[in-house]
C-alpha atoms as a PDB file:
ATOM      1  CA  MET A   1      89.223 107.894 113.483  1.00  0.00           C
ATOM      2  CA  ASN A   2      91.296 110.993 114.288  1.00  0.00           C
ATOM      3  CA  ALA A   3      94.890 111.502 113.166  1.00  0.00           C
ATOM      4  CA  ALA A   4      96.388 110.842 116.605  1.00  0.00           C
ATOM      5  CA  ARG A   5      94.471 107.580 116.937  1.00  0.00           C
ATOM      6  CA  SER A   6      95.535 106.485 113.446  1.00  0.00           C
ATOM      7  CA  PHE A   7      99.153 107.301 114.226  1.00  0.00           C
ATOM      8  CA  ARG A   8      99.077 105.271 117.465  1.00  0.00           C
ATOM      9  CA  LEU A   9      97.511 102.250 115.776  1.00  0.00           C
ATOM     10  CA  ALA A  10     100.080 102.401 112.989  1.00  0.00           C
ATOM     11  CA  PHE A  11     102.755 101.825 115.600  1.00  0.00           C
ATOM     12  CA  VAL A  12     100.825  99.262 117.639  1.00  0.00           C
ATOM     13  CA  PHE A  13     100.223  97.062 114.614  1.00  0.00           C
ATOM     14  CA  THR A  14     103.747  97.224 113.234  1.00  0.00           C
ATOM     15  CA  ALA A  15     105.167  93.728 112.617  1.00  0.00           C
ATOM     16  CA  PHE A  16     108.688  92.561 113.302  1.00  0.00           C
ATOM     17  CA  LEU A  17     110.427  90.289 110.808  1.00  0.00           C
ATOM     18  CA  VAL A  18     113.145  88.203 112.413  1.00  0.00           C
ATOM     19  CA  ALA A  19     115.647  86.569 110.048  1.00  0.00           C
ATOM     20  CA  CYS A  20     117.215  83.733 112.002  1.00  0.00           C
ATOM     21  CA  PRO A  21     119.953  82.970 109.431  1.00  0.00           C
ATOM     22  CA  GLU A  22     121.807  86.109 110.547  1.00  0.00           C
ATOM     23  CA  PHE A  23     122.842  84.121 113.636  1.00  0.00           C
ATOM     24  CA  VAL A  24     123.680  80.855 111.890  1.00  0.00           C
ATOM     25  CA  ALA A  25     127.370  81.624 111.351  1.00  0.00           C
ATOM     26  CA  ALA A  26     127.947  81.435 115.110  1.00  0.00           C
ATOM     27  CA  ASP A  27     125.072  79.247 116.265  1.00  0.00           C
ATOM     28  CA  THR A  28     123.503  75.900 115.480  1.00  0.00           C
ATOM     29  CA  SER A  29     119.964  75.822 114.108  1.00  0.00           C
ATOM     30  CA  GLU A  30     118.377  75.385 117.518  1.00  0.00           C
ATOM     31  CA  GLN A  31     120.603  78.064 119.079  1.00  0.00           C
ATOM     32  CA  ALA A  32     119.730  80.524 116.318  1.00  0.00           C
ATOM     33  CA  VAL A  33     116.004  80.360 116.997  1.00  0.00           C
ATOM     34  CA  ALA A  34     116.453  80.330 120.758  1.00  0.00           C
ATOM     35  CA  SER A  35     118.737  83.382 120.629  1.00  0.00           C
ATOM     36  CA  THR A  36     116.170  85.318 118.643  1.00  0.00           C
ATOM     37  CA  LEU A  37     113.273  84.632 120.982  1.00  0.00           C
ATOM     38  CA  ARG A  38     115.339  85.278 124.096  1.00  0.00           C
ATOM     39  CA  THR A  39     116.270  88.779 122.977  1.00  0.00           C
ATOM     40  CA  ILE A  40     113.424  90.473 121.123  1.00  0.00           C
ATOM     41  CA  PHE A  41     111.489  91.348 124.306  1.00  0.00           C
ATOM     42  CA  SER A  42     114.491  92.041 126.523  1.00  0.00           C
ATOM     43  CA  PRO A  43     116.944  94.914 125.939  1.00  0.00           C
ATOM     44  CA  ARG A  44     119.346  93.346 128.478  1.00  0.00           C
ATOM     45  CA  ARG A  45     119.798  90.277 126.268  1.00  0.00           C
ATOM     46  CA  ALA A  46     119.662  92.067 122.913  1.00  0.00           C
ATOM     47  CA  PRO A  47     122.540  91.117 120.592  1.00  0.00           C
ATOM     48  CA  ALA A  48     124.859  93.736 119.153  1.00  0.00           C
ATOM     49  CA  GLN A  49     123.498  92.974 115.686  1.00  0.00           C
ATOM     50  CA  ARG A  50     119.945  94.248 115.228  1.00  0.00           C
ATOM     51  CA  THR A  51     117.705  92.580 112.676  1.00  0.00           C
ATOM     52  CA  MET A  52     116.288  94.721 109.857  1.00  0.00           C
ATOM     53  CA  GLY A  53     117.562  97.866 111.571  1.00  0.00           C
ATOM     54  CA  LEU A  54     114.758  97.702 114.169  1.00  0.00           C
ATOM     55  CA  SER A  55     116.023  97.813 117.756  1.00  0.00           C
ATOM     56  CA  GLN A  56     114.637  95.530 120.432  1.00  0.00           C
ATOM     57  CA  ARG A  57     113.837  98.607 122.494  1.00  0.00           C
ATOM     58  CA  SER A  58     111.465  99.917 119.816  1.00  0.00           C
ATOM     59  CA  PHE A  59     109.713  96.539 119.707  1.00  0.00           C
ATOM     60  CA  LEU A  60     109.259  96.696 123.472  1.00  0.00           C
ATOM     61  CA  ASP A  61     107.796 100.155 123.035  1.00  0.00           C
ATOM     62  CA  LEU A  62     105.124  98.617 120.829  1.00  0.00           C
ATOM     63  CA  VAL A  63     104.297  96.131 123.576  1.00  0.00           C
ATOM     64  CA  GLU A  64     104.032  98.867 126.189  1.00  0.00           C
ATOM     65  CA  GLN A  65     101.815 101.037 123.990  1.00  0.00           C
ATOM     66  CA  SER A  66      99.401  98.268 123.030  1.00  0.00           C
ATOM     67  CA  PRO A  67      96.153  97.451 124.877  1.00  0.00           C
ATOM     68  CA  ALA A  68      96.375  95.531 128.154  1.00  0.00           C
ATOM     69  CA  ARG A  69      95.461  92.154 126.640  1.00  0.00           C
ATOM     70  CA  LEU A  70      97.633  90.440 124.039  1.00  0.00           C
ATOM     71  CA  GLU A  71      96.621  87.360 122.033  1.00  0.00           C
ATOM     72  CA  ILE A  72      99.398  85.385 120.362  1.00  0.00           C
ATOM     73  CA  ALA A  73      98.997  82.491 117.946  1.00  0.00           C
ATOM     74  CA  LEU A  74     102.192  80.468 117.576  1.00  0.00           C
ATOM     75  CA  VAL A  75     102.040  79.043 114.035  1.00  0.00           C
ATOM     76  CA  ILE A  76     104.749  76.394 113.705  1.00  0.00           C
ATOM     77  CA  ASP A  77     106.028  74.300 110.812  1.00  0.00           C
ATOM     78  CA  GLY A  78     105.978  70.738 112.145  1.00  0.00           C
ATOM     79  CA  THR A  79     107.682  69.024 109.200  1.00  0.00           C
ATOM     80  CA  GLU A  80     110.932  67.037 109.394  1.00  0.00           C
ATOM     81  CA  SER A  81     113.176  69.812 108.101  1.00  0.00           C
ATOM     82  CA  MET A  82     112.281  71.898 111.172  1.00  0.00           C
ATOM     83  CA  GLY A  83     113.531  69.328 113.691  1.00  0.00           C
ATOM     84  CA  PRO A  84     116.611  71.215 114.960  1.00  0.00           C
ATOM     85  CA  ALA A  85     114.850  74.587 114.911  1.00  0.00           C
ATOM     86  CA  LEU A  86     111.970  73.231 117.013  1.00  0.00           C
ATOM     87  CA  VAL A  87     114.427  72.512 119.804  1.00  0.00           C
ATOM     88  CA  GLY A  88     115.232  76.223 119.916  1.00  0.00           C
ATOM     89  CA  VAL A  89     111.564  77.197 119.747  1.00  0.00           C
ATOM     90  CA  ARG A  90     110.704  74.994 122.721  1.00  0.00           C
ATOM     91  CA  GLU A  91     113.699  76.181 124.748  1.00  0.00           C
ATOM     92  CA  ALA A  92     113.030  79.887 124.287  1.00  0.00           C
ATOM     93  CA  ILE A  93     109.227  80.213 124.432  1.00  0.00           C
ATOM     94  CA  SER A  94     109.235  80.083 128.231  1.00  0.00           C
ATOM     95  CA  GLN A  95     111.616  83.058 128.453  1.00  0.00           C
ATOM     96  CA  MET A  96     109.638  84.947 125.828  1.00  0.00           C
ATOM     97  CA  MET A  97     106.461  84.408 127.831  1.00  0.00           C
ATOM     98  CA  ALA A  98     108.145  85.590 131.035  1.00  0.00           C
ATOM     99  CA  ASP A  99     109.414  88.724 129.312  1.00  0.00           C
ATOM    100  CA  LEU A 100     105.970  89.548 127.948  1.00  0.00           C
ATOM    101  CA  ASP A 101     104.355  89.031 131.348  1.00  0.00           C
ATOM    102  CA  ARG A 102     106.504  91.831 132.739  1.00  0.00           C
ATOM    103  CA  TYR A 103     104.666  94.199 130.434  1.00  0.00           C
ATOM    104  CA  LYS A 104     101.254  92.579 130.294  1.00  0.00           C
ATOM    105  CA  GLN A 105     100.895  91.260 133.877  1.00  0.00           C
ATOM    106  CA  GLN A 106      99.409  87.875 132.970  1.00  0.00           C
ATOM    107  CA  GLU A 107      97.227  89.393 130.243  1.00  0.00           C
ATOM    108  CA  VAL A 108      98.899  87.400 127.454  1.00  0.00           C
ATOM    109  CA  ALA A 109      96.898  84.521 125.974  1.00  0.00           C
ATOM    110  CA  TYR A 110      98.200  81.867 123.587  1.00  0.00           C
ATOM    111  CA  GLN A 111      97.119  79.280 121.051  1.00  0.00           C
ATOM    112  CA  ILE A 112      99.340  76.942 119.015  1.00  0.00           C
ATOM    113  CA  VAL A 113      98.756  75.962 115.389  1.00  0.00           C
ATOM    114  CA  VAL A 114     101.005  73.334 113.794  1.00  0.00           C
ATOM    115  CA  PHE A 115     100.999  72.748 110.048  1.00  0.00           C
ATOM    116  CA  ARG A 116     102.560  69.749 108.334  1.00  0.00           C
ATOM    117  CA  ASP A 117     102.795  68.048 104.934  1.00  0.00           C
ATOM    118  CA  VAL A 118     100.004  66.552 102.919  1.00  0.00           C
ATOM    119  CA  GLY A 119      99.628  63.003 104.245  1.00  0.00           C
ATOM    120  CA  ALA A 120     101.199  63.650 107.660  1.00  0.00           C
ATOM    121  CA  PRO A 121      99.884  61.138 110.243  1.00  0.00           C
ATOM    122  CA  SER A 122      98.405  63.840 112.493  1.00  0.00           C
ATOM    123  CA  GLY A 123      96.874  65.775 109.621  1.00  0.00           C
ATOM    124  CA  GLU A 124      97.732  68.986 107.813  1.00  0.00           C
ATOM    125  CA  VAL A 125      96.779  71.335 110.655  1.00  0.00           C
ATOM    126  CA  VAL A 126      96.625  70.634 114.396  1.00  0.00           C
ATOM    127  CA  TYR A 127      95.618  72.931 117.282  1.00  0.00           C
ATOM    128  CA  LEU A 128      97.764  71.898 120.221  1.00  0.00           C
ATOM    129  CA  LEU A 129      95.825  73.614 122.997  1.00  0.00           C
ATOM    130  CA  GLU A 130      92.513  71.870 123.471  1.00  0.00           C
ATOM    131  CA  GLU A 131      90.394  74.873 124.323  1.00  0.00           C
ATOM    132  CA  ASP A 132      86.680  74.958 123.456  1.00  0.00           C
ATOM    133  CA  GLY A 133      86.267  76.699 120.123  1.00  0.00           C
ATOM    134  CA  ASN A 134      90.045  77.092 119.809  1.00  0.00           C
ATOM    135  CA  ARG A 135      90.064  79.798 122.462  1.00  0.00           C
ATOM    136  CA  PHE A 136      93.298  81.359 123.665  1.00  0.00           C
ATOM    137  CA  THR A 137      94.637  80.456 127.098  1.00  0.00           C
ATOM    138  CA  THR A 138      96.687  82.344 129.683  1.00  0.00           C
ATOM    139  CA  ASP A 139      97.851  79.049 131.234  1.00  0.00           C
ATOM    140  CA  ARG A 140     101.591  79.196 130.595  1.00  0.00           C
ATOM    141  CA  GLN A 141     102.174  75.657 131.821  1.00  0.00           C
ATOM    142  CA  ALA A 142      99.616  74.323 129.348  1.00  0.00           C
ATOM    143  CA  VAL A 143     101.417  76.118 126.528  1.00  0.00           C
ATOM    144  CA  LEU A 144     104.820  74.770 127.562  1.00  0.00           C
ATOM    145  CA  ALA A 145     103.466  71.247 128.011  1.00  0.00           C
ATOM    146  CA  ALA A 146     101.958  71.317 124.526  1.00  0.00           C
ATOM    147  CA  LEU A 147     105.220  72.542 123.024  1.00  0.00           C
ATOM    148  CA  SER A 148     107.243  69.895 124.859  1.00  0.00           C
ATOM    149  CA  GLY A 149     105.178  67.188 123.193  1.00  0.00           C
ATOM    150  CA  LEU A 150     105.447  68.659 119.707  1.00  0.00           C
ATOM    151  CA  GLN A 151     107.129  66.264 117.285  1.00  0.00           C
ATOM    152  CA  VAL A 152     107.957  66.590 113.599  1.00  0.00           C
ATOM    153  CA  GLU A 153     106.239  64.336 111.074  1.00  0.00           C
ATOM    154  CA  ILE A 154     106.830  63.436 107.451  1.00  0.00           C
ATOM    155  CA  GLY A 155     104.189  63.546 104.744  1.00  0.00           C
ATOM    156  CA  ALA A 156     104.527  64.168 101.018  1.00  0.00           C
ATOM    157  CA  PRO A 157     108.221  64.545 100.063  1.00  0.00           C
ATOM    158  CA  TYR A 158     108.322  68.218  99.141  1.00  0.00           C
ATOM    159  CA  PHE A 159     110.303  71.113 100.577  1.00  0.00           C
ATOM    160  CA  PRO A 160     107.569  73.710  99.898  1.00  0.00           C
ATOM    161  CA  GLU A 161     105.069  73.412 102.736  1.00  0.00           C
ATOM    162  CA  LEU A 162     101.435  74.142 103.565  1.00  0.00           C
ATOM    163  CA  VAL A 163     102.492  77.303 105.375  1.00  0.00           C
ATOM    164  CA  ASP A 164      99.654  79.246 103.728  1.00  0.00           C
ATOM    165  CA  GLU A 165      97.204  76.661 105.120  1.00  0.00           C
ATOM    166  CA  GLY A 166      98.685  77.082 108.590  1.00  0.00           C
ATOM    167  CA  VAL A 167      98.453  80.855 108.530  1.00  0.00           C
ATOM    168  CA  HIS A 168      94.894  80.743 107.207  1.00  0.00           C
ATOM    169  CA  ALA A 169      93.896  78.304 109.949  1.00  0.00           C
ATOM    170  CA  ALA A 170      95.272  80.671 112.582  1.00  0.00           C
ATOM    171  CA  LEU A 171      93.507  83.642 111.043  1.00  0.00           C
ATOM    172  CA  SER A 172      90.136  82.000 110.526  1.00  0.00           C
ATOM    173  CA  ALA A 173      89.708  79.161 113.041  1.00  0.00           C
ATOM    174  CA  LEU A 174      90.893  80.698 116.322  1.00  0.00           C
ATOM    175  CA  ALA A 175      88.659  82.575 118.767  1.00  0.00           C
ATOM    176  CA  TRP A 176      90.267  85.991 118.335  1.00  0.00           C
ATOM    177  CA  SER A 177      88.824  88.943 120.206  1.00  0.00           C
ATOM    178  CA  THR A 178      87.344  91.863 118.296  1.00  0.00           C
ATOM    179  CA  GLY A 179      87.684  95.610 118.641  1.00  0.00           C
ATOM    180  CA  ASP A 180      90.495  97.554 120.284  1.00  0.00           C
ATOM    181  CA  GLU A 181      90.555  95.879 123.704  1.00  0.00           C
ATOM    182  CA  ALA A 182      93.377  93.528 122.684  1.00  0.00           C
ATOM    183  CA  SER A 183      96.357  93.298 120.378  1.00  0.00           C
ATOM    184  CA  ARG A 184      96.319  90.249 118.114  1.00  0.00           C
ATOM    185  CA  TRP A 185      99.612  88.763 116.915  1.00  0.00           C
ATOM    186  CA  ILE A 186     100.797  85.734 114.983  1.00  0.00           C
ATOM    187  CA  PHE A 187     104.335  84.420 115.350  1.00  0.00           C
ATOM    188  CA  LEU A 188     105.044  82.271 112.303  1.00  0.00           C
ATOM    189  CA  PHE A 189     108.006  79.860 112.490  1.00  0.00           C
ATOM    190  CA  ALA A 190     108.911  78.385 109.107  1.00  0.00           C
ATOM    191  CA  ASP A 191     111.871  77.345 106.964  1.00  0.00           C
ATOM    192  CA  ALA A 192     110.192  76.875 103.578  1.00  0.00           C
ATOM    193  CA  PRO A 193     107.863  78.719 101.200  1.00  0.00           C
ATOM    194  CA  PRO A 194     104.323  77.711 100.235  1.00  0.00           C
ATOM    195  CA  PHE A 195     103.761  75.811  96.997  1.00  0.00           C
ATOM    196  CA  ASP A 196     103.955  77.812  93.803  1.00  0.00           C
ATOM    197  CA  PRO A 197     100.453  78.876  92.683  1.00  0.00           C
ATOM    198  CA  THR A 198     100.900  76.846  89.475  1.00  0.00           C
ATOM    199  CA  PHE A 199     101.778  73.591  91.291  1.00  0.00           C
ATOM    200  CA  ARG A 200      99.040  71.012  91.740  1.00  0.00           C
ATOM    201  CA  GLU A 201      99.249  67.253  92.359  1.00  0.00           C
ATOM    202  CA  GLU A 202      95.883  65.581  92.118  1.00  0.00           C
ATOM    203  CA  SER A 203      96.997  62.285  93.661  1.00  0.00           C
ATOM    204  CA  THR A 204      97.992  63.870  97.007  1.00  0.00           C
ATOM    205  CA  GLY A 205      96.200  67.220  96.993  1.00  0.00           C
ATOM    206  CA  ALA A 206      99.507  69.062  97.329  1.00  0.00           C
ATOM    207  CA  ARG A 207      98.941  72.586  96.056  1.00  0.00           C
ATOM    208  CA  ARG A 208      98.849  76.216  97.052  1.00  0.00           C
ATOM    209  CA  ARG A 209      95.692  76.747  99.111  1.00  0.00           C
ATOM    210  CA  PHE A 210      95.571  80.503  99.798  1.00  0.00           C
ATOM    211  CA  ALA A 211      97.066  83.456  97.943  1.00  0.00           C
ATOM    212  CA  THR A 212      99.363  85.753  99.902  1.00  0.00           C
ATOM    213  CA  ASP A 213      97.103  88.733  99.218  1.00  0.00           C
ATOM    214  CA  ALA A 214      94.119  86.842 100.625  1.00  0.00           C
ATOM    215  CA  LEU A 215      95.973  86.081 103.863  1.00  0.00           C
ATOM    216  CA  ILE A 216      97.041  89.703 104.206  1.00  0.00           C
ATOM    217  CA  ALA A 217      93.486  90.898 103.601  1.00  0.00           C
ATOM    218  CA  ILE A 218      92.056  88.650 106.344  1.00  0.00           C
ATOM    219  CA  ALA A 219      94.764  89.668 108.808  1.00  0.00           C
ATOM    220  CA  SER A 220      94.375  93.369 108.057  1.00  0.00           C
ATOM    221  CA  GLU A 221      90.597  93.252 108.344  1.00  0.00           C
ATOM    222  CA  ASN A 222      90.896  91.724 111.815  1.00  0.00           C
ATOM    223  CA  GLN A 223      93.918  93.811 112.869  1.00  0.00           C
ATOM    224  CA  ILE A 224      96.062  90.722 113.314  1.00  0.00           C
ATOM    225  CA  LEU A 225      99.781  91.437 113.187  1.00  0.00           C
ATOM    226  CA  ILE A 226     101.935  88.739 111.560  1.00  0.00           C
ATOM    227  CA  ASN A 227     105.511  88.347 112.836  1.00  0.00           C
ATOM    228  CA  CYS A 228     107.697  85.948 110.867  1.00  0.00           C
ATOM    229  CA  VAL A 229     110.685  83.946 112.061  1.00  0.00           C
ATOM    230  CA  LEU A 230     112.646  82.541 109.123  1.00  0.00           C
ATOM    231  CA  CYS A 231     114.255  79.458 110.627  1.00  0.00           C
ATOM    232  CA  PRO A 232     117.344  77.583 109.455  1.00  0.00           C
ATOM    233  CA  THR A 233     116.580  74.134 108.091  1.00  0.00           C
ATOM    234  CA  ARG A 234     118.201  70.819 109.017  1.00  0.00           C
ATOM    235  CA  VAL A 235     121.502  69.921 107.354  1.00  0.00           C
ATOM    236  CA  GLU A 236     119.947  67.327 105.027  1.00  0.00           C
ATOM    237  CA  ASP A 237     117.746  69.991 103.407  1.00  0.00           C
ATOM    238  CA  GLU A 238     120.206  72.883 103.168  1.00  0.00           C
ATOM    239  CA  VAL A 239     120.808  72.479  99.425  1.00  0.00           C
ATOM    240  CA  VAL A 240     117.137  72.555  98.453  1.00  0.00           C
ATOM    241  CA  SER A 241     116.490  75.278 101.025  1.00  0.00           C
ATOM    242  CA  ALA A 242     119.108  77.487  99.397  1.00  0.00           C
ATOM    243  CA  ARG A 243     117.318  77.145  96.057  1.00  0.00           C
ATOM    244  CA  VAL A 244     114.054  78.523  97.409  1.00  0.00           C
ATOM    245  CA  VAL A 245     115.147  80.726 100.303  1.00  0.00           C
ATOM    246  CA  ASP A 246     114.421  83.884  98.306  1.00  0.00           C
ATOM    247  CA  GLN A 247     110.856  82.646  97.804  1.00  0.00           C
ATOM    248  CA  THR A 248     110.586  81.965 101.526  1.00  0.00           C
ATOM    249  CA  ARG A 249     111.871  85.421 102.422  1.00  0.00           C
ATOM    250  CA  THR A 250     109.539  87.070  99.915  1.00  0.00           C
ATOM    251  CA  PHE A 251     106.504  85.259 101.294  1.00  0.00           C
ATOM    252  CA  LEU A 252     107.331  85.989 104.941  1.00  0.00           C
ATOM    253  CA  ASN A 253     108.216  89.598 104.233  1.00  0.00           C
ATOM    254  CA  SER A 254     104.982  90.080 102.303  1.00  0.00           C
ATOM    255  CA  LEU A 255     102.935  88.785 105.235  1.00  0.00           C
ATOM    256  CA  SER A 256     104.789  90.979 107.694  1.00  0.00           C
ATOM    257  CA  SER A 257     104.890  94.191 105.683  1.00  0.00           C
ATOM    258  CA  GLY A 258     101.362  93.643 104.361  1.00  0.00           C
ATOM    259  CA  THR A 259      99.949  93.602 107.883  1.00  0.00           C
ATOM    260  CA  GLY A 260     101.733  96.820 108.838  1.00  0.00           C
ATOM    261  CA  GLY A 261     105.357  95.815 109.277  1.00  0.00           C
ATOM    262  CA  LEU A 262     108.745  96.119 107.627  1.00  0.00           C
END
């Protein structure tokens, strides 16, 4: 690969880490997430405050420079603490999709992966779009319909989540394209870290499933860019969230920077 090609790919596969709590002072949990998604692909709606020093315009440049086809896996925490944030996710995805279509002209395909607690009624991981072989779909209405029916569920009573399981499922179980004909992105929406590697509960199976380095290695090998949205949690969990928020930030930042981002 020549130097020019390497330089271009370095920009195309740069991830964008969005820290929703920056908006919390002025917005509710659902408004914070919605505000983020409504602005990152539209310079007209970009807020005065720019996250991580990366302007929305530069992120749009990455979209314009990438291959014609874009595959996006929406990996969403479906546990109870995410209830208010999910409202914002559902409200803003439609606008995000419309913004992307301006650049990709209907060449954006989606899949949705929801991860929940050990013991959740629907299971630990669910693929919301029923496509053969977990293929991606360009049917925007199918995506929005699936999101509208997404509900939170309770499982084992822990604030750490199976976020590593959710990311691994998106990386390994979806029908991603190969080669350079498409850009491959994950948008991860989460408010809690994975379990500590030393934690293990035999009675429920609650434990850390995949090391951060392993997730980064799989994503990098397949040129999958991981974008992380650190969501505010519901009021009832704010105290415990504050205790582990540094762990959450570290995990999300490691995924993002490890796959070529900030």
